Amino acid sequence: MLLTFALAGFGFSWAIVFGLLALFPQALQSLPKSGG
């Protein structure tokens, strides 16, 4: 059950980032550029 909660938290962080950026795509411009 601990592992389920940990993995749920892990997946939720990804889900919420992709979801919010899809809702507010203009926020993509605020993301730092890929690099070193």
ModelCIF file with pLDDT and N, C-alpha, C, O atoms, coordinates in Angstrom:
data_MODEL
#
_entry.id   MODEL 
#
_entity.id                         1 
_entity.type                       polymer 
_entity.pdbx_number_of_molecules   1 
#
_entity_poly.entity_id                      1 
_entity_poly.type                           'polypeptide(L)' 
_entity_poly.nstd_linkage                   no 
_entity_poly.nstd_monomer                   no 
_entity_poly.pdbx_seq_one_letter_code       MLLTFALAGFGFSWAIVFGLLALFPQALQSLPKSGG 
_entity_poly.pdbx_seq_one_letter_code_can   MLLTFALAGFGFSWAIVFGLLALFPQALQSLPKSGG 
_entity_poly.pdbx_strand_id                 A 
#
loop_
_entity_poly_seq.entity_id 
_entity_poly_seq.num 
_entity_poly_seq.mon_id 
_entity_poly_seq.hetero 
1 1  MET n 
1 2  LEU n 
1 3  LEU n 
1 4  THR n 
1 5  PHE n 
1 6  ALA n 
1 7  LEU n 
1 8  ALA n 
1 9  GLY n 
1 10 PHE n 
1 11 GLY n 
1 12 PHE n 
1 13 SER n 
1 14 TRP n 
1 15 ALA n 
1 16 ILE n 
1 17 VAL n 
1 18 PHE n 
1 19 GLY n 
1 20 LEU n 
1 21 LEU n 
1 22 ALA n 
1 23 LEU n 
1 24 PHE n 
1 25 PRO n 
1 26 GLN n 
1 27 ALA n 
1 28 LEU n 
1 29 GLN n 
1 30 SER n 
1 31 LEU n 
1 32 PRO n 
1 33 LYS n 
1 34 SER n 
1 35 GLY n 
1 36 GLY n 
#
_struct_asym.id          A 
_struct_asym.entity_id   1 
#
loop_
_ma_qa_metric.id 
_ma_qa_metric.mode 
_ma_qa_metric.name 
_ma_qa_metric.software_group_id 
_ma_qa_metric.type 
1 global pLDDT . pLDDT 
2 local  pLDDT . pLDDT 
#
_ma_qa_metric_global.metric_id      1 
_ma_qa_metric_global.metric_value   80.61 
_ma_qa_metric_global.model_id       1 
_ma_qa_metric_global.ordinal_id     1 
#
loop_
_ma_qa_metric_local.label_asym_id 
_ma_qa_metric_local.label_comp_id 
_ma_qa_metric_local.label_seq_id 
_ma_qa_metric_local.metric_id 
_ma_qa_metric_local.metric_value 
_ma_qa_metric_local.model_id 
_ma_qa_metric_local.ordinal_id 
A MET 1  2 80.00 1 1  
A LEU 2  2 79.00 1 2  
A LEU 3  2 82.00 1 3  
A THR 4  2 87.00 1 4  
A PHE 5  2 88.00 1 5  
A ALA 6  2 86.00 1 6  
A LEU 7  2 88.00 1 7  
A ALA 8  2 91.00 1 8  
A GLY 9  2 90.00 1 9  
A PHE 10 2 90.00 1 10 
A GLY 11 2 89.00 1 11 
A PHE 12 2 92.00 1 12 
A SER 13 2 90.00 1 13 
A TRP 14 2 88.00 1 14 
A ALA 15 2 87.00 1 15 
A ILE 16 2 88.00 1 16 
A VAL 17 2 86.00 1 17 
A PHE 18 2 77.00 1 18 
A GLY 19 2 74.00 1 19 
A LEU 20 2 79.00 1 20 
A LEU 21 2 79.00 1 21 
A ALA 22 2 72.00 1 22 
A LEU 23 2 73.00 1 23 
A PHE 24 2 75.00 1 24 
A PRO 25 2 73.00 1 25 
A GLN 26 2 74.00 1 26 
A ALA 27 2 75.00 1 27 
A LEU 28 2 73.00 1 28 
A GLN 29 2 73.00 1 29 
A SER 30 2 75.00 1 30 
A LEU 31 2 76.00 1 31 
A PRO 32 2 77.00 1 32 
A LYS 33 2 73.00 1 33 
A SER 34 2 70.00 1 34 
A GLY 35 2 74.00 1 35 
A GLY 36 2 79.00 1 36 
#
loop_
_atom_site.group_PDB 
_atom_site.id 
_atom_site.type_symbol 
_atom_site.label_atom_id 
_atom_site.label_alt_id 
_atom_site.label_comp_id 
_atom_site.label_asym_id 
_atom_site.label_entity_id 
_atom_site.label_seq_id 
_atom_site.pdbx_PDB_ins_code 
_atom_site.Cartn_x 
_atom_site.Cartn_y 
_atom_site.Cartn_z 
_atom_site.occupancy 
_atom_site.B_iso_or_equiv 
_atom_site.pdbx_formal_charge 
_atom_site.auth_seq_id 
_atom_site.auth_comp_id 
_atom_site.auth_asym_id 
_atom_site.auth_atom_id 
_atom_site.pdbx_PDB_model_num 
ATOM 1   N N  . MET A 1 1  ? 0.832  -1.204 0.000   1.00 80.00 ? 1  MET A N  1 
ATOM 2   C CA . MET A 1 1  ? 0.000  0.000  0.000   1.00 80.00 ? 1  MET A CA 1 
ATOM 3   C C  . MET A 1 1  ? 0.869  1.257  0.000   1.00 80.00 ? 1  MET A C  1 
ATOM 4   O O  . MET A 1 1  ? 0.528  2.243  -0.653  1.00 80.00 ? 1  MET A O  1 
ATOM 5   N N  . LEU A 1 2  ? 1.991  1.232  0.727   1.00 79.00 ? 2  LEU A N  1 
ATOM 6   C CA . LEU A 1 2  ? 2.909  2.366  0.690   1.00 79.00 ? 2  LEU A CA 1 
ATOM 7   C C  . LEU A 1 2  ? 3.412  2.598  -0.725  1.00 79.00 ? 2  LEU A C  1 
ATOM 8   O O  . LEU A 1 2  ? 3.485  3.735  -1.192  1.00 79.00 ? 2  LEU A O  1 
ATOM 9   N N  . LEU A 1 3  ? 3.759  1.511  -1.402  1.00 82.00 ? 3  LEU A N  1 
ATOM 10  C CA . LEU A 1 3  ? 4.271  1.630  -2.758  1.00 82.00 ? 3  LEU A CA 1 
ATOM 11  C C  . LEU A 1 3  ? 3.192  2.158  -3.701  1.00 82.00 ? 3  LEU A C  1 
ATOM 12  O O  . LEU A 1 3  ? 3.486  2.943  -4.603  1.00 82.00 ? 3  LEU A O  1 
ATOM 13  N N  . THR A 1 4  ? 1.954  1.734  -3.499  1.00 87.00 ? 4  THR A N  1 
ATOM 14  C CA . THR A 1 4  ? 0.847  2.236  -4.317  1.00 87.00 ? 4  THR A CA 1 
ATOM 15  C C  . THR A 1 4  ? 0.698  3.746  -4.153  1.00 87.00 ? 4  THR A C  1 
ATOM 16  O O  . THR A 1 4  ? 0.545  4.468  -5.139  1.00 87.00 ? 4  THR A O  1 
ATOM 17  N N  . PHE A 1 5  ? 0.744  4.224  -2.911  1.00 88.00 ? 5  PHE A N  1 
ATOM 18  C CA . PHE A 1 5  ? 0.641  5.658  -2.671  1.00 88.00 ? 5  PHE A CA 1 
ATOM 19  C C  . PHE A 1 5  ? 1.816  6.405  -3.288  1.00 88.00 ? 5  PHE A C  1 
ATOM 20  O O  . PHE A 1 5  ? 1.635  7.478  -3.864  1.00 88.00 ? 5  PHE A O  1 
ATOM 21  N N  . ALA A 1 6  ? 3.022  5.846  -3.173  1.00 86.00 ? 6  ALA A N  1 
ATOM 22  C CA . ALA A 1 6  ? 4.205  6.501  -3.727  1.00 86.00 ? 6  ALA A CA 1 
ATOM 23  C C  . ALA A 1 6  ? 4.114  6.596  -5.249  1.00 86.00 ? 6  ALA A C  1 
ATOM 24  O O  . ALA A 1 6  ? 4.391  7.647  -5.827  1.00 86.00 ? 6  ALA A O  1 
ATOM 25  N N  . LEU A 1 7  ? 3.723  5.495  -5.895  1.00 88.00 ? 7  LEU A N  1 
ATOM 26  C CA . LEU A 1 7  ? 3.615  5.504  -7.349  1.00 88.00 ? 7  LEU A CA 1 
ATOM 27  C C  . LEU A 1 7  ? 2.446  6.377  -7.809  1.00 88.00 ? 7  LEU A C  1 
ATOM 28  O O  . LEU A 1 7  ? 2.513  7.007  -8.865  1.00 88.00 ? 7  LEU A O  1 
ATOM 29  N N  . ALA A 1 8  ? 1.375  6.411  -7.011  1.00 91.00 ? 8  ALA A N  1 
ATOM 30  C CA . ALA A 1 8  ? 0.254  7.295  -7.351  1.00 91.00 ? 8  ALA A CA 1 
ATOM 31  C C  . ALA A 1 8  ? 0.695  8.754  -7.297  1.00 91.00 ? 8  ALA A C  1 
ATOM 32  O O  . ALA A 1 8  ? 0.330  9.548  -8.164  1.00 91.00 ? 8  ALA A O  1 
ATOM 33  N N  . GLY A 1 9  ? 1.477  9.106  -6.284  1.00 90.00 ? 9  GLY A N  1 
ATOM 34  C CA . GLY A 1 9  ? 2.000  10.466 -6.205  1.00 90.00 ? 9  GLY A CA 1 
ATOM 35  C C  . GLY A 1 9  ? 2.901  10.790 -7.379  1.00 90.00 ? 9  GLY A C  1 
ATOM 36  O O  . GLY A 1 9  ? 2.851  11.889 -7.931  1.00 90.00 ? 9  GLY A O  1 
ATOM 37  N N  . PHE A 1 10 ? 3.733  9.818  -7.761  1.00 90.00 ? 10 PHE A N  1 
ATOM 38  C CA . PHE A 1 10 ? 4.636  9.999  -8.897  1.00 90.00 ? 10 PHE A CA 1 
ATOM 39  C C  . PHE A 1 10 ? 3.839  10.257 -10.174 1.00 90.00 ? 10 PHE A C  1 
ATOM 40  O O  . PHE A 1 10 ? 4.107  11.214 -10.900 1.00 90.00 ? 10 PHE A O  1 
ATOM 41  N N  . GLY A 1 11 ? 2.858  9.393  -10.442 1.00 89.00 ? 11 GLY A N  1 
ATOM 42  C CA . GLY A 1 11 ? 2.055  9.546  -11.644 1.00 89.00 ? 11 GLY A CA 1 
ATOM 43  C C  . GLY A 1 11 ? 1.197  10.794 -11.621 1.00 89.00 ? 11 GLY A C  1 
ATOM 44  O O  . GLY A 1 11 ? 0.976  11.422 -12.656 1.00 89.00 ? 11 GLY A O  1 
ATOM 45  N N  . PHE A 1 12 ? 0.707  11.159 -10.426 1.00 92.00 ? 12 PHE A N  1 
ATOM 46  C CA . PHE A 1 12 ? -0.150 12.340 -10.318 1.00 92.00 ? 12 PHE A CA 1 
ATOM 47  C C  . PHE A 1 12 ? 0.621  13.611 -10.670 1.00 92.00 ? 12 PHE A C  1 
ATOM 48  O O  . PHE A 1 12 ? 0.066  14.521 -11.285 1.00 92.00 ? 12 PHE A O  1 
ATOM 49  N N  . SER A 1 13 ? 1.883  13.678 -10.287 1.00 90.00 ? 13 SER A N  1 
ATOM 50  C CA . SER A 1 13 ? 2.687  14.869 -10.605 1.00 90.00 ? 13 SER A CA 1 
ATOM 51  C C  . SER A 1 13 ? 2.820  15.030 -12.120 1.00 90.00 ? 13 SER A C  1 
ATOM 52  O O  . SER A 1 13 ? 2.749  16.143 -12.641 1.00 90.00 ? 13 SER A O  1 
ATOM 53  N N  . TRP A 1 14 ? 3.013  13.919 -12.816 1.00 88.00 ? 14 TRP A N  1 
ATOM 54  C CA . TRP A 1 14 ? 3.102  13.989 -14.280 1.00 88.00 ? 14 TRP A CA 1 
ATOM 55  C C  . TRP A 1 14 ? 1.742  14.353 -14.879 1.00 88.00 ? 14 TRP A C  1 
ATOM 56  O O  . TRP A 1 14 ? 1.658  15.189 -15.779 1.00 88.00 ? 14 TRP A O  1 
ATOM 57  N N  . ALA A 1 15 ? 0.697  13.733 -14.383 1.00 87.00 ? 15 ALA A N  1 
ATOM 58  C CA . ALA A 1 15 ? -0.638 13.972 -14.921 1.00 87.00 ? 15 ALA A CA 1 
ATOM 59  C C  . ALA A 1 15 ? -1.043 15.431 -14.760 1.00 87.00 ? 15 ALA A C  1 
ATOM 60  O O  . ALA A 1 15 ? -1.612 16.037 -15.669 1.00 87.00 ? 15 ALA A O  1 
ATOM 61  N N  . ILE A 1 16 ? -0.741 15.983 -13.589 1.00 88.00 ? 16 ILE A N  1 
ATOM 62  C CA . ILE A 1 16 ? -1.180 17.359 -13.339 1.00 88.00 ? 16 ILE A CA 1 
ATOM 63  C C  . ILE A 1 16 ? -0.389 18.355 -14.179 1.00 88.00 ? 16 ILE A C  1 
ATOM 64  O O  . ILE A 1 16 ? -0.933 19.374 -14.603 1.00 88.00 ? 16 ILE A O  1 
ATOM 65  N N  . VAL A 1 17 ? 0.913  18.066 -14.427 1.00 86.00 ? 17 VAL A N  1 
ATOM 66  C CA . VAL A 1 17 ? 1.717  18.962 -15.259 1.00 86.00 ? 17 VAL A CA 1 
ATOM 67  C C  . VAL A 1 17 ? 1.210  18.947 -16.698 1.00 86.00 ? 17 VAL A C  1 
ATOM 68  O O  . VAL A 1 17 ? 0.998  20.002 -17.295 1.00 86.00 ? 17 VAL A O  1 
ATOM 69  N N  . PHE A 1 18 ? 1.015  17.743 -17.257 1.00 77.00 ? 18 PHE A N  1 
ATOM 70  C CA . PHE A 1 18 ? 0.522  17.661 -18.632 1.00 77.00 ? 18 PHE A CA 1 
ATOM 71  C C  . PHE A 1 18 ? -0.888 18.237 -18.749 1.00 77.00 ? 18 PHE A C  1 
ATOM 72  O O  . PHE A 1 18 ? -1.212 18.898 -19.736 1.00 77.00 ? 18 PHE A O  1 
ATOM 73  N N  . GLY A 1 19 ? -1.728 17.985 -17.739 1.00 74.00 ? 19 GLY A N  1 
ATOM 74  C CA . GLY A 1 19 ? -3.093 18.493 -17.779 1.00 74.00 ? 19 GLY A CA 1 
ATOM 75  C C  . GLY A 1 19 ? -3.156 20.008 -17.725 1.00 74.00 ? 19 GLY A C  1 
ATOM 76  O O  . GLY A 1 19 ? -3.882 20.627 -18.502 1.00 74.00 ? 19 GLY A O  1 
ATOM 77  N N  . LEU A 1 20 ? -2.401 20.612 -16.813 1.00 79.00 ? 20 LEU A N  1 
ATOM 78  C CA . LEU A 1 20 ? -2.421 22.067 -16.672 1.00 79.00 ? 20 LEU A CA 1 
ATOM 79  C C  . LEU A 1 20 ? -1.831 22.759 -17.896 1.00 79.00 ? 20 LEU A C  1 
ATOM 80  O O  . LEU A 1 20 ? -2.332 23.795 -18.334 1.00 79.00 ? 20 LEU A O  1 
ATOM 81  N N  . LEU A 1 21 ? -0.763 22.178 -18.446 1.00 79.00 ? 21 LEU A N  1 
ATOM 82  C CA . LEU A 1 21 ? -0.166 22.793 -19.630 1.00 79.00 ? 21 LEU A CA 1 
ATOM 83  C C  . LEU A 1 21 ? -1.083 22.673 -20.842 1.00 79.00 ? 21 LEU A C  1 
ATOM 84  O O  . LEU A 1 21 ? -1.080 23.533 -21.723 1.00 79.00 ? 21 LEU A O  1 
ATOM 85  N N  . ALA A 1 22 ? -1.870 21.592 -20.880 1.00 72.00 ? 22 ALA A N  1 
ATOM 86  C CA . ALA A 1 22 ? -2.843 21.474 -21.963 1.00 72.00 ? 22 ALA A CA 1 
ATOM 87  C C  . ALA A 1 22 ? -3.958 22.499 -21.804 1.00 72.00 ? 22 ALA A C  1 
ATOM 88  O O  . ALA A 1 22 ? -4.478 23.017 -22.792 1.00 72.00 ? 22 ALA A O  1 
ATOM 89  N N  . LEU A 1 23 ? -4.323 22.791 -20.557 1.00 73.00 ? 23 LEU A N  1 
ATOM 90  C CA . LEU A 1 23 ? -5.364 23.776 -20.287 1.00 73.00 ? 23 LEU A CA 1 
ATOM 91  C C  . LEU A 1 23 ? -4.862 25.196 -20.517 1.00 73.00 ? 23 LEU A C  1 
ATOM 92  O O  . LEU A 1 23 ? -5.614 26.061 -20.966 1.00 73.00 ? 23 LEU A O  1 
ATOM 93  N N  . PHE A 1 24 ? -3.583 25.434 -20.207 1.00 75.00 ? 24 PHE A N  1 
ATOM 94  C CA . PHE A 1 24 ? -2.972 26.759 -20.389 1.00 75.00 ? 24 PHE A CA 1 
ATOM 95  C C  . PHE A 1 24 ? -1.710 26.604 -21.231 1.00 75.00 ? 24 PHE A C  1 
ATOM 96  O O  . PHE A 1 24 ? -0.609 26.716 -20.693 1.00 75.00 ? 24 PHE A O  1 
ATOM 97  N N  . PRO A 1 25 ? -1.830 26.355 -22.512 1.00 73.00 ? 25 PRO A N  1 
ATOM 98  C CA . PRO A 1 25 ? -0.659 26.095 -23.361 1.00 73.00 ? 25 PRO A CA 1 
ATOM 99  C C  . PRO A 1 25 ? 0.311  27.266 -23.438 1.00 73.00 ? 25 PRO A C  1 
ATOM 100 O O  . PRO A 1 25 ? 1.490  27.082 -23.740 1.00 73.00 ? 25 PRO A O  1 
ATOM 101 N N  . GLN A 1 26 ? -0.185 28.471 -23.164 1.00 74.00 ? 26 GLN A N  1 
ATOM 102 C CA . GLN A 1 26 ? 0.710  29.619 -23.191 1.00 74.00 ? 26 GLN A CA 1 
ATOM 103 C C  . GLN A 1 26 ? 1.810  29.517 -22.133 1.00 74.00 ? 26 GLN A C  1 
ATOM 104 O O  . GLN A 1 26 ? 2.853  30.162 -22.240 1.00 74.00 ? 26 GLN A O  1 
ATOM 105 N N  . ALA A 1 27 ? 1.555  28.686 -21.098 1.00 75.00 ? 27 ALA A N  1 
ATOM 106 C CA . ALA A 1 27 ? 2.557  28.515 -20.049 1.00 75.00 ? 27 ALA A CA 1 
ATOM 107 C C  . ALA A 1 27 ? 3.795  27.784 -20.558 1.00 75.00 ? 27 ALA A C  1 
ATOM 108 O O  . ALA A 1 27 ? 4.841  27.810 -19.910 1.00 75.00 ? 27 ALA A O  1 
ATOM 109 N N  . LEU A 1 28 ? 3.680  27.124 -21.731 1.00 73.00 ? 28 LEU A N  1 
ATOM 110 C CA . LEU A 1 28 ? 4.837  26.429 -22.291 1.00 73.00 ? 28 LEU A CA 1 
ATOM 111 C C  . LEU A 1 28 ? 5.988  27.393 -22.566 1.00 73.00 ? 28 LEU A C  1 
ATOM 112 O O  . LEU A 1 28 ? 7.161  27.026 -22.493 1.00 73.00 ? 28 LEU A O  1 
ATOM 113 N N  . GLN A 1 29 ? 5.622  28.637 -22.882 1.00 73.00 ? 29 GLN A N  1 
ATOM 114 C CA . GLN A 1 29 ? 6.656  29.617 -23.198 1.00 73.00 ? 29 GLN A CA 1 
ATOM 115 C C  . GLN A 1 29 ? 7.479  29.990 -21.970 1.00 73.00 ? 29 GLN A C  1 
ATOM 116 O O  . GLN A 1 29 ? 8.596  30.493 -22.082 1.00 73.00 ? 29 GLN A O  1 
ATOM 117 N N  . SER A 1 30 ? 6.901  29.731 -20.790 1.00 75.00 ? 30 SER A N  1 
ATOM 118 C CA . SER A 1 30 ? 7.616  30.068 -19.556 1.00 75.00 ? 30 SER A CA 1 
ATOM 119 C C  . SER A 1 30 ? 8.575  28.961 -19.122 1.00 75.00 ? 30 SER A C  1 
ATOM 120 O O  . SER A 1 30 ? 9.410  29.176 -18.244 1.00 75.00 ? 30 SER A O  1 
ATOM 121 N N  . LEU A 1 31 ? 8.461  27.785 -19.728 1.00 76.00 ? 31 LEU A N  1 
ATOM 122 C CA . LEU A 1 31 ? 9.345  26.689 -19.342 1.00 76.00 ? 31 LEU A CA 1 
ATOM 123 C C  . LEU A 1 31 ? 10.776 26.986 -19.792 1.00 76.00 ? 31 LEU A C  1 
ATOM 124 O O  . LEU A 1 31 ? 10.981 27.538 -20.874 1.00 76.00 ? 31 LEU A O  1 
ATOM 125 N N  . PRO A 1 32 ? 11.765 26.626 -18.973 1.00 77.00 ? 32 PRO A N  1 
ATOM 126 C CA . PRO A 1 32 ? 13.155 26.818 -19.411 1.00 77.00 ? 32 PRO A CA 1 
ATOM 127 C C  . PRO A 1 32 ? 13.473 25.918 -20.599 1.00 77.00 ? 32 PRO A C  1 
ATOM 128 O O  . PRO A 1 32 ? 12.858 24.866 -20.777 1.00 77.00 ? 32 PRO A O  1 
ATOM 129 N N  . LYS A 1 33 ? 14.432 26.341 -21.405 1.00 73.00 ? 33 LYS A N  1 
ATOM 130 C CA . LYS A 1 33 ? 14.823 25.547 -22.554 1.00 73.00 ? 33 LYS A CA 1 
ATOM 131 C C  . LYS A 1 33 ? 15.676 24.360 -22.118 1.00 73.00 ? 33 LYS A C  1 
ATOM 132 O O  . LYS A 1 33 ? 16.393 24.416 -21.119 1.00 73.00 ? 33 LYS A O  1 
ATOM 133 N N  . SER A 1 34 ? 15.577 23.293 -22.893 1.00 70.00 ? 34 SER A N  1 
ATOM 134 C CA . SER A 1 34 ? 16.417 22.132 -22.610 1.00 70.00 ? 34 SER A CA 1 
ATOM 135 C C  . SER A 1 34 ? 17.886 22.531 -22.730 1.00 70.00 ? 34 SER A C  1 
ATOM 136 O O  . SER A 1 34 ? 18.246 23.396 -23.528 1.00 70.00 ? 34 SER A O  1 
ATOM 137 N N  . GLY A 1 35 ? 18.721 21.888 -21.929 1.00 74.00 ? 35 GLY A N  1 
ATOM 138 C CA . GLY A 1 35 ? 20.141 22.221 -21.962 1.00 74.00 ? 35 GLY A CA 1 
ATOM 139 C C  . GLY A 1 35 ? 20.930 21.428 -20.952 1.00 74.00 ? 35 GLY A C  1 
ATOM 140 O O  . GLY A 1 35 ? 20.464 20.421 -20.418 1.00 74.00 ? 35 GLY A O  1 
ATOM 141 N N  . GLY A 1 36 ? 22.139 21.903 -20.697 1.00 79.00 ? 36 GLY A N  1 
ATOM 142 C CA . GLY A 1 36 ? 23.045 21.188 -19.801 1.00 79.00 ? 36 GLY A CA 1 
ATOM 143 C C  . GLY A 1 36 ? 22.546 21.104 -18.370 1.00 79.00 ? 36 GLY A C  1 
ATOM 144 O O  . GLY A 1 36 ? 23.218 20.526 -17.515 1.00 79.00 ? 36 GLY A O  1 
#
